[in-house]
C-alpha atoms as a PDB file:
ATOM      1  CA  MET A   1      11.510  27.155  13.000  1.00  0.00           C
ATOM      2  CA  LYS A   2      11.581  26.220  16.662  1.00  0.00           C
ATOM      3  CA  LEU A   3       7.887  27.211  16.979  1.00  0.00           C
ATOM      4  CA  LYS A   4       6.960  25.063  13.883  1.00  0.00           C
ATOM      5  CA  ILE A   5       8.839  22.110  15.442  1.00  0.00           C
ATOM      6  CA  LYS A   6       7.124  22.607  18.689  1.00  0.00           C
ATOM      7  CA  ILE A   7       3.669  22.780  17.032  1.00  0.00           C
ATOM      8  CA  LEU A   8       4.281  19.483  14.945  1.00  0.00           C
ATOM      9  CA  LYS A   9       5.478  17.834  18.099  1.00  0.00           C
ATOM     10  CA  GLU A  10       2.379  18.800  20.092  1.00  0.00           C
ATOM     11  CA  ASN A  11       0.104  17.749  17.035  1.00  0.00           C
ATOM     12  CA  LYS A  12       1.788  14.412  16.845  1.00  0.00           C
ATOM     13  CA  GLN A  13       1.352  13.797  20.672  1.00  0.00           C
ATOM     14  CA  THR A  14      -2.375  14.810  20.276  1.00  0.00           C
ATOM     15  CA  LEU A  15      -2.724  12.358  17.496  1.00  0.00           C
ATOM     16  CA  LYS A  16      -1.063   9.601  19.559  1.00  0.00           C
ATOM     17  CA  GLU A  17      -3.425  10.485  22.542  1.00  0.00           C
ATOM     18  CA  ASN A  18      -6.452  10.292  20.368  1.00  0.00           C
ATOM     19  CA  ARG A  19      -5.436   6.986  18.932  1.00  0.00           C
ATOM     20  CA  TYR A  20      -4.975   5.194  22.116  1.00  0.00           C
ATOM     21  CA  ALA A  21      -7.775   6.982  24.130  1.00  0.00           C
ATOM     22  CA  GLY A  22     -10.071   3.866  23.790  1.00  0.00           C
ATOM     23  CA  LEU A  23      -7.316   1.484  24.870  1.00  0.00           C
ATOM     24  CA  TYR A  24      -6.685   3.543  27.980  1.00  0.00           C
ATOM     25  CA  GLN A  25     -10.479   3.730  28.675  1.00  0.00           C
ATOM     26  CA  GLN A  26     -10.779  -0.126  28.159  1.00  0.00           C
ATOM     27  CA  VAL A  27      -7.820  -0.861  30.491  1.00  0.00           C
ATOM     28  CA  GLY A  28      -8.942   1.767  32.920  1.00  0.00           C
ATOM     29  CA  ALA A  29      -5.354   3.221  33.123  1.00  0.00           C
ATOM     30  CA  HIS A  30      -4.246   6.871  33.599  1.00  0.00           C
ATOM     31  CA  PRO A  31      -3.737   8.352  30.031  1.00  0.00           C
ATOM     32  CA  GLY A  32      -0.020   8.097  29.345  1.00  0.00           C
ATOM     33  CA  SER A  33       0.713   5.358  31.849  1.00  0.00           C
ATOM     34  CA  LEU A  34       1.312   2.814  29.137  1.00  0.00           C
ATOM     35  CA  ASP A  35       3.088   4.964  26.541  1.00  0.00           C
ATOM     36  CA  MET A  36       6.477   3.264  26.918  1.00  0.00           C
ATOM     37  CA  PHE A  37       4.713  -0.160  26.627  1.00  0.00           C
ATOM     38  CA  ILE A  38       3.038   1.097  23.446  1.00  0.00           C
ATOM     39  CA  ARG A  39       6.319   2.388  22.100  1.00  0.00           C
ATOM     40  CA  ASN A  40       8.035  -1.051  22.695  1.00  0.00           C
ATOM     41  CA  PHE A  41       5.352  -3.499  21.781  1.00  0.00           C
ATOM     42  CA  ILE A  42       2.934  -1.690  19.406  1.00  0.00           C
ATOM     43  CA  GLU A  43       4.702   1.220  17.540  1.00  0.00           C
ATOM     44  CA  ILE A  44       8.160  -0.252  17.482  1.00  0.00           C
ATOM     45  CA  PRO A  45      10.116   2.980  16.197  1.00  0.00           C
ATOM     46  CA  ILE A  46      13.055   2.456  14.212  1.00  0.00           C
ATOM     47  CA  ASP A  47      15.667   2.741  17.094  1.00  0.00           C
ATOM     48  CA  ILE A  48      13.969  -0.295  18.926  1.00  0.00           C
ATOM     49  CA  GLU A  49      13.643  -2.157  15.573  1.00  0.00           C
ATOM     50  CA  MET A  50      17.270  -1.849  14.749  1.00  0.00           C
ATOM     51  CA  ALA A  51      18.615  -2.548  18.247  1.00  0.00           C
ATOM     52  CA  ARG A  52      16.604  -5.853  18.073  1.00  0.00           C
ATOM     53  CA  ARG A  53      17.746  -6.801  14.735  1.00  0.00           C
ATOM     54  CA  ASP A  54      21.447  -6.145  15.820  1.00  0.00           C
ATOM     55  CA  PHE A  55      21.056  -8.263  19.008  1.00  0.00           C
ATOM     56  CA  ILE A  56      19.517 -11.067  17.137  1.00  0.00           C
ATOM     57  CA  GLN A  57      22.163 -10.966  14.271  1.00  0.00           C
ATOM     58  CA  SER A  58      24.981 -10.745  16.758  1.00  0.00           C
ATOM     59  CA  ASN A  59      23.720 -13.737  18.824  1.00  0.00           C
ATOM     60  CA  PHE A  60      21.822 -15.904  16.536  1.00  0.00           C
ATOM     61  CA  GLY A  61      22.802 -14.860  12.928  1.00  0.00           C
ATOM     62  CA  PRO A  62      24.603 -18.200  12.176  1.00  0.00           C
ATOM     63  CA  GLN A  63      21.723 -20.328  13.225  1.00  0.00           C
ATOM     64  CA  ILE A  64      19.438 -18.212  11.031  1.00  0.00           C
ATOM     65  CA  ASN A  65      21.651 -18.302   7.983  1.00  0.00           C
ATOM     66  CA  ALA A  66      22.219 -22.068   8.337  1.00  0.00           C
ATOM     67  CA  LEU A  67      18.576 -22.941   7.883  1.00  0.00           C
ATOM     68  CA  THR A  68      17.438 -24.717   4.876  1.00  0.00           C
ATOM     69  CA  ASP A  69      14.066 -25.404   3.332  1.00  0.00           C
ATOM     70  CA  ALA A  70      14.011 -28.692   4.964  1.00  0.00           C
ATOM     71  CA  ASP A  71      14.078 -27.018   8.393  1.00  0.00           C
ATOM     72  CA  ILE A  72      10.871 -24.969   7.941  1.00  0.00           C
ATOM     73  CA  PRO A  73       7.192 -25.823   7.482  1.00  0.00           C
ATOM     74  CA  PRO A  74       5.202 -25.399   4.406  1.00  0.00           C
ATOM     75  CA  THR A  75       4.554 -21.718   4.054  1.00  0.00           C
ATOM     76  CA  SER A  76       3.981 -19.071   1.396  1.00  0.00           C
ATOM     77  CA  LYS A  77       6.897 -16.700   0.352  1.00  0.00           C
ATOM     78  CA  ARG A  78       4.497 -13.663   1.068  1.00  0.00           C
ATOM     79  CA  THR A  79       6.829 -10.492   0.767  1.00  0.00           C
ATOM     80  CA  ALA A  80       9.953 -12.404   0.324  1.00  0.00           C
ATOM     81  CA  SER A  81      11.767 -14.052  -2.770  1.00  0.00           C
ATOM     82  CA  THR A  82      11.209 -17.557  -1.120  1.00  0.00           C
ATOM     83  CA  PRO A  83       9.553 -19.150   1.817  1.00  0.00           C
ATOM     84  CA  LEU A  84      13.053 -19.773   3.490  1.00  0.00           C
ATOM     85  CA  GLN A  85      13.747 -16.134   3.179  1.00  0.00           C
ATOM     86  CA  LYS A  86      10.461 -15.101   4.758  1.00  0.00           C
ATOM     87  CA  VAL A  87      11.145 -17.404   7.564  1.00  0.00           C
ATOM     88  CA  GLN A  88      14.673 -15.938   8.032  1.00  0.00           C
ATOM     89  CA  LYS A  89      13.399 -12.351   7.777  1.00  0.00           C
ATOM     90  CA  GLY A  90      10.685 -13.036  10.390  1.00  0.00           C
ATOM     91  CA  LEU A  91      13.403 -14.504  12.757  1.00  0.00           C
ATOM     92  CA  ILE A  92      15.705 -11.394  12.218  1.00  0.00           C
ATOM     93  CA  HIS A  93      12.825  -9.119  13.176  1.00  0.00           C
ATOM     94  CA  GLY A  94      12.141 -11.098  16.264  1.00  0.00           C
ATOM     95  CA  HIS A  95       8.661 -12.644  15.302  1.00  0.00           C
ATOM     96  CA  THR A  96       8.246 -15.021  18.150  1.00  0.00           C
ATOM     97  CA  PHE A  97       5.947 -17.368  16.200  1.00  0.00           C
ATOM     98  CA  TRP A  98       8.802 -18.301  13.950  1.00  0.00           C
ATOM     99  CA  TRP A  99      11.263 -18.587  16.948  1.00  0.00           C
ATOM    100  CA  ASN A 100       8.952 -20.989  18.719  1.00  0.00           C
ATOM    101  CA  ARG A 101       8.179 -22.868  15.458  1.00  0.00           C
ATOM    102  CA  ILE A 102      11.745 -23.339  14.108  1.00  0.00           C
ATOM    103  CA  PHE A 103      13.981 -23.178  17.349  1.00  0.00           C
ATOM    104  CA  GLY A 104      11.374 -24.073  20.210  1.00  0.00           C
ATOM    105  CA  PRO A 105       9.907 -22.233  23.180  1.00  0.00           C
ATOM    106  CA  GLN A 106      13.214 -21.828  24.939  1.00  0.00           C
ATOM    107  CA  MET A 107      14.759 -19.878  22.121  1.00  0.00           C
ATOM    108  CA  ALA A 108      11.339 -17.974  21.773  1.00  0.00           C
ATOM    109  CA  GLU A 109      11.606 -17.015  25.412  1.00  0.00           C
ATOM    110  CA  ASP A 110      15.160 -15.823  24.897  1.00  0.00           C
ATOM    111  CA  ILE A 111      13.807 -13.290  22.308  1.00  0.00           C
ATOM    112  CA  ILE A 112      10.824 -12.286  24.661  1.00  0.00           C
ATOM    113  CA  ARG A 113      13.361 -11.763  27.421  1.00  0.00           C
ATOM    114  CA  TYR A 114      15.364  -9.402  25.289  1.00  0.00           C
ATOM    115  CA  LYS A 115      12.191  -7.409  24.308  1.00  0.00           C
ATOM    116  CA  ALA A 116      11.020  -7.140  28.059  1.00  0.00           C
ATOM    117  CA  THR A 117      14.552  -6.143  29.268  1.00  0.00           C
ATOM    118  CA  SER A 118      14.708  -3.513  26.487  1.00  0.00           C
ATOM    119  CA  TYR A 119      11.352  -2.231  27.591  1.00  0.00           C
ATOM    120  CA  MET A 120      12.339  -1.879  31.175  1.00  0.00           C
ATOM    121  CA  GLN A 121      15.652  -0.298  30.262  1.00  0.00           C
ATOM    122  CA  ASP A 122      13.643   2.087  28.312  1.00  0.00           C
ATOM    123  CA  LEU A 123      11.406   3.099  31.233  1.00  0.00           C
ATOM    124  CA  LYS A 124      14.383   3.027  33.556  1.00  0.00           C
ATOM    125  CA  SER A 125      16.313   5.638  31.542  1.00  0.00           C
ATOM    126  CA  LYS A 126      13.197   7.833  31.186  1.00  0.00           C
ATOM    127  CA  LEU A 127      12.879   7.791  35.053  1.00  0.00           C
ATOM    128  CA  GLU A 128      16.479   8.579  35.526  1.00  0.00           C
ATOM    129  CA  SER A 129      16.450  11.326  33.049  1.00  0.00           C
ATOM    130  CA  PHE A 130      14.546  13.620  35.509  1.00  0.00           C
ATOM    131  CA  ASN A 131      15.982  12.016  38.752  1.00  0.00           C
ATOM    132  CA  TYR A 132      12.903  10.276  39.776  1.00  0.00           C
ATOM    133  CA  SER A 133      14.485   8.588  42.732  1.00  0.00           C
ATOM    134  CA  THR A 134      15.581  11.959  44.568  1.00  0.00           C
ATOM    135  CA  MET A 135      12.879  14.306  43.399  1.00  0.00           C
ATOM    136  CA  THR A 136      10.307  15.887  45.762  1.00  0.00           C
ATOM    137  CA  GLY A 137       6.534  15.997  45.417  1.00  0.00           C
ATOM    138  CA  GLU A 138       6.868  19.524  44.483  1.00  0.00           C
ATOM    139  CA  GLU A 139       9.283  18.880  41.707  1.00  0.00           C
ATOM    140  CA  PHE A 140       6.979  16.067  40.419  1.00  0.00           C
ATOM    141  CA  GLU A 141       4.211  18.514  40.023  1.00  0.00           C
ATOM    142  CA  THR A 142       6.433  20.815  37.744  1.00  0.00           C
ATOM    143  CA  LEU A 143       7.249  17.928  35.355  1.00  0.00           C
ATOM    144  CA  PRO A 144       5.787  17.830  31.859  1.00  0.00           C
ATOM    145  CA  GLU A 145       3.040  15.269  31.308  1.00  0.00           C
ATOM    146  CA  GLU A 146       5.283  12.924  29.302  1.00  0.00           C
ATOM    147  CA  ASP A 147       7.666  12.546  32.335  1.00  0.00           C
ATOM    148  CA  LYS A 148       4.797  12.178  34.888  1.00  0.00           C
ATOM    149  CA  ALA A 149       3.449   9.367  32.664  1.00  0.00           C
ATOM    150  CA  ALA A 150       6.636   7.395  33.050  1.00  0.00           C
ATOM    151  CA  VAL A 151       6.117   7.564  36.847  1.00  0.00           C
ATOM    152  CA  TYR A 152       2.540   6.469  36.416  1.00  0.00           C
ATOM    153  CA  GLU A 153       3.684   3.534  34.096  1.00  0.00           C
ATOM    154  CA  LYS A 154       6.068   2.483  36.850  1.00  0.00           C
ATOM    155  CA  HIS A 155       3.355   2.296  39.330  1.00  0.00           C
ATOM    156  CA  PHE A 156       0.939   0.726  37.130  1.00  0.00           C
ATOM    157  CA  LEU A 157       3.308  -2.154  36.267  1.00  0.00           C
ATOM    158  CA  GLU A 158       4.077  -2.743  40.009  1.00  0.00           C
ATOM    159  CA  ASP A 159       0.461  -2.679  41.014  1.00  0.00           C
ATOM    160  CA  HIS A 160      -1.449  -4.133  38.052  1.00  0.00           C
ATOM    161  CA  LEU A 161       0.925  -6.131  35.758  1.00  0.00           C
ATOM    162  CA  GLY A 162      -0.939  -9.347  36.387  1.00  0.00           C
ATOM    163  CA  ASP A 163      -4.361  -8.117  35.870  1.00  0.00           C
ATOM    164  CA  PHE A 164      -3.368  -5.999  32.893  1.00  0.00           C
ATOM    165  CA  PHE A 165      -1.999  -9.126  31.028  1.00  0.00           C
ATOM    166  CA  ASP A 166      -4.873 -11.477  32.154  1.00  0.00           C
ATOM    167  CA  GLN A 167      -7.649  -9.281  31.432  1.00  0.00           C
ATOM    168  CA  HIS A 168      -6.239  -7.154  28.516  1.00  0.00           C
ATOM    169  CA  VAL A 169      -3.136  -8.307  26.815  1.00  0.00           C
ATOM    170  CA  LYS A 170      -4.336 -11.864  26.365  1.00  0.00           C
ATOM    171  CA  MET A 171      -7.395 -10.481  24.602  1.00  0.00           C
ATOM    172  CA  GLY A 172      -6.799 -11.283  21.014  1.00  0.00           C
ATOM    173  CA  SER A 173      -8.418  -9.500  18.027  1.00  0.00           C
ATOM    174  CA  MET A 174      -7.919  -9.855  14.199  1.00  0.00           C
ATOM    175  CA  ASN A 175      -6.905  -6.349  13.275  1.00  0.00           C
ATOM    176  CA  THR A 176      -5.250  -7.735  10.260  1.00  0.00           C
ATOM    177  CA  THR A 177      -5.516 -11.126   8.457  1.00  0.00           C
ATOM    178  CA  GLY A 178      -3.242 -13.553   6.805  1.00  0.00           C
ATOM    179  CA  TYR A 179      -0.662 -14.285   9.631  1.00  0.00           C
ATOM    180  CA  VAL A 180       0.854 -17.614   8.956  1.00  0.00           C
ATOM    181  CA  GLY A 181      -0.012 -19.882  11.828  1.00  0.00           C
ATOM    182  CA  ASN A 182      -2.492 -17.414  13.020  1.00  0.00           C
ATOM    183  CA  PRO A 183      -5.913 -18.583  11.694  1.00  0.00           C
ATOM    184  CA  GLY A 184      -8.365 -16.540  13.557  1.00  0.00           C
ATOM    185  CA  VAL A 185      -6.054 -16.045  16.879  1.00  0.00           C
ATOM    186  CA  GLY A 186      -5.348 -12.457  16.376  1.00  0.00           C
ATOM    187  CA  ALA A 187      -3.026 -10.206  18.099  1.00  0.00           C
ATOM    188  CA  GLY A 188      -3.099  -9.454  21.878  1.00  0.00           C
ATOM    189  CA  LEU A 189      -4.417  -6.268  23.438  1.00  0.00           C
ATOM    190  CA  TYR A 190      -7.412  -6.196  21.246  1.00  0.00           C
ATOM    191  CA  GLY A 191      -5.256  -6.640  18.073  1.00  0.00           C
ATOM    192  CA  GLN A 192      -2.872  -3.864  18.977  1.00  0.00           C
ATOM    193  CA  MET A 193       0.327  -5.821  19.778  1.00  0.00           C
ATOM    194  CA  SER A 194       2.900  -5.956  17.133  1.00  0.00           C
ATOM    195  CA  ASP A 195       4.202  -9.609  17.924  1.00  0.00           C
ATOM    196  CA  TRP A 196       1.018 -11.593  17.853  1.00  0.00           C
ATOM    197  CA  TRP A 197       2.399 -14.875  19.161  1.00  0.00           C
ATOM    198  CA  MET A 198       4.263 -13.159  22.075  1.00  0.00           C
ATOM    199  CA  SER A 199       0.917 -11.545  23.113  1.00  0.00           C
ATOM    200  CA  THR A 200      -1.210 -14.660  22.983  1.00  0.00           C
ATOM    201  CA  ALA A 201       0.409 -18.013  23.476  1.00  0.00           C
ATOM    202  CA  GLY A 202       3.562 -16.503  24.755  1.00  0.00           C
ATOM    203  CA  ALA A 203       1.905 -13.760  26.863  1.00  0.00           C
ATOM    204  CA  ASP A 204       2.697 -15.276  30.191  1.00  0.00           C
ATOM    205  CA  MET A 205       6.533 -15.400  29.201  1.00  0.00           C
ATOM    206  CA  LEU A 206       6.216 -11.764  28.520  1.00  0.00           C
ATOM    207  CA  LYS A 207       4.613 -11.008  31.624  1.00  0.00           C
ATOM    208  CA  ASP A 208       6.966 -13.205  33.814  1.00  0.00           C
ATOM    209  CA  ASN A 209       9.925 -11.502  32.296  1.00  0.00           C
ATOM    210  CA  ILE A 210       8.630  -7.994  32.787  1.00  0.00           C
ATOM    211  CA  LYS A 211       7.856  -8.880  36.479  1.00  0.00           C
ATOM    212  CA  GLN A 212      11.412 -10.051  36.947  1.00  0.00           C
ATOM    213  CA  GLN A 213      12.886  -6.737  35.498  1.00  0.00           C
ATOM    214  CA  LEU A 214      10.736  -4.498  37.821  1.00  0.00           C
ATOM    215  CA  SER A 215      13.534  -4.299  40.410  1.00  0.00           C
ATOM    216  CA  ILE A 216      15.945  -2.478  37.990  1.00  0.00           C
ATOM    217  CA  LEU A 217      13.481   0.732  37.967  1.00  0.00           C
ATOM    218  CA  PRO A 218      14.670   3.444  40.228  1.00  0.00           C
ATOM    219  CA  GLN A 219      12.865   3.573  43.665  1.00  0.00           C
ATOM    220  CA  ARG A 220      12.033   6.643  46.051  1.00  0.00           C
END
């Protein structure tokens, strides 16, 4: 059973590497050095999704629940029962287009700040899991590639954050269509980013908030 689990895990990692090989090549980054960024802003696994929803419900639930039809712009109901429920669902899931449209740019940045902080805490926890701040060069060489990638990601952010955003994250592409409020804008990072508004109009907010959080990462 352990062997089967190991093989499945390795196959899943290989599929992930193949999926983003073109992205790494386009960015010119070491393979793996954006894996935590991808986890937090492209793939959004269930633990990150649930933590975001809990944060938003705890801090902004009453404001969202108090919205009425008069508070929202004309929009389709799409996958919800009513247009209002669709907007409320988007807010709860942290879609910054709706946060900016309904509550304004300051509230949108509050959500972006939470996402940036969660990302940096995720990377910080990964680095601390193998005692990055005290490890020797010899110990680093023995790390599995997944752990080495976290170190590469830390240095990539410290050295190339501005260029990464200006030259790549802000490059929108329509990987899907039908986004309300997104007629031909697309999502950032060549259509990869889950939150399209945060990676286009709000990209500088995300970049600045990540930059402000770099100091929490362990140093050597």
